[in-house]
Amino acid sequence: MYSVSASHAIGLIGGLIALPLALVGLRFHPRRRSVPGTVQAAAVLMAITGGVHLALIPDHLDSEPFTSALFLLNGVAFITLAASFTWRWWRLSSSALLIATVLGYLIYVGIGLEGPDQVGIATKLVEVTALGLVLVPVRGEHAAHRGWRHAAIGVAMPLLIVISGATVWIVDLARPDARHVHAGALLQATNTIPTPAQVDAANRLYAETKTAITPYQDWRQAWAAGYRPGGSTSLPSTHWMNQRYVDAGYVMDPHRPQGLVYANTHHGPVLLGAMFQMKSLNRFGPDPGGPMTAWHQHENICFTPFGFEFSLMTPYATCPIGAIDISAPPMLHVWIVDNPHGGPFGVDIDPSVVAALDRT
């Protein structure tokens, strides 16, 4: 879903520095053999997340002093507990700190004070793993303690994982980052504001493409030209692909678009626009219109052979049973109908436009 934020990359360095220091400290701790291996492993993981939090302080110090203070408190608390893993109340204190930190992060992300990125998500994964190790019952402990730890592992841990994954996934859908403007789509990096030359180039591309595909408003002519539905026609709209053009690898040729998009209305297919598609992954096409004509690449899409339907991955980066994870090569749409929420080159067509066509 996310790239590593430049301001958070230093956190990775902090965590990597903390790892060998924690291992050395563990190796020479005089009482390390008095605690089980799960506790020792959890202490190392807590030292890592403490290093991440401390490393993030300088970048947030000027603009977000409150967040920096929280990073300082978290970092110091994690490092302190990591160094005192033989303390009698260590497991209870560590559990409380780990749960509070994960839930605090989710609140920050949920209300928009912090944007999730790979560093934050990876750190939460480390903390959830550490929590699981802390809660593992050990031989010889009181039966009552074993009971609540079993309950925590069986109920609280899965619940925390579900809440964490769902929160990040919902935030991704509601507030995607700048290059992920559509769930599952990576947007080509461009300048922010189009230049006059880019506006002219985008207008020329639109006019030429609209003229070239006008004959395909009759779907029979598209069929005769080699276009075939590439997905279920029971959905609101369907991409019709021309395999010959796909294999030939034409690059943004208005007269040979790899795909056409039709609305599936009660009175037959209605042409919505064209789709240019590159031949291989991670290779964006030419971008004459700058931010107006940025290509996008769909990632983490679940493909179901039975019915040829597509869906987003679950929050845990898995597909439903019977589906496989695919990524589509970069593509660029040109919508010849009014698309008020995305414009003529938008990633998606406005669903209300498709619905209105079906009602006419």
Foldseek 3Di string as FASTA:
>chain_A
DAADDPLQPQLQVQLVVQQVVLVVLLVPDPCNVVDDPLLLLLLSLLSSLLSSLQSNLVSCVPPPVPSSVVSPVSSVVSNVLSNPSVDPCSLVVLLVSLVCVLVVVLVCCQVVVDPDHPSVVVSNVSSLSSNLSSLCDDPPDDPVSVVVSVVCNVPVSVVSVVSNLVSNVVSCCVPNDPQPPHVQKGWADFDDDWDPQLVVVVVVLLVLLCVLCVVCQPVVVVVVVQWAWQAALVDQKTKTARVVLLVVFDASDSNRARIWMFGNAPVGTGTFWGKHFGNDAPDWGDRSNTVLWIWMKGFQWWAAPVRRDIDHDGSVSDDPPRTDTDIGHIMWIATPDDQPPAPRTRPDRDVVVSVVVNVD
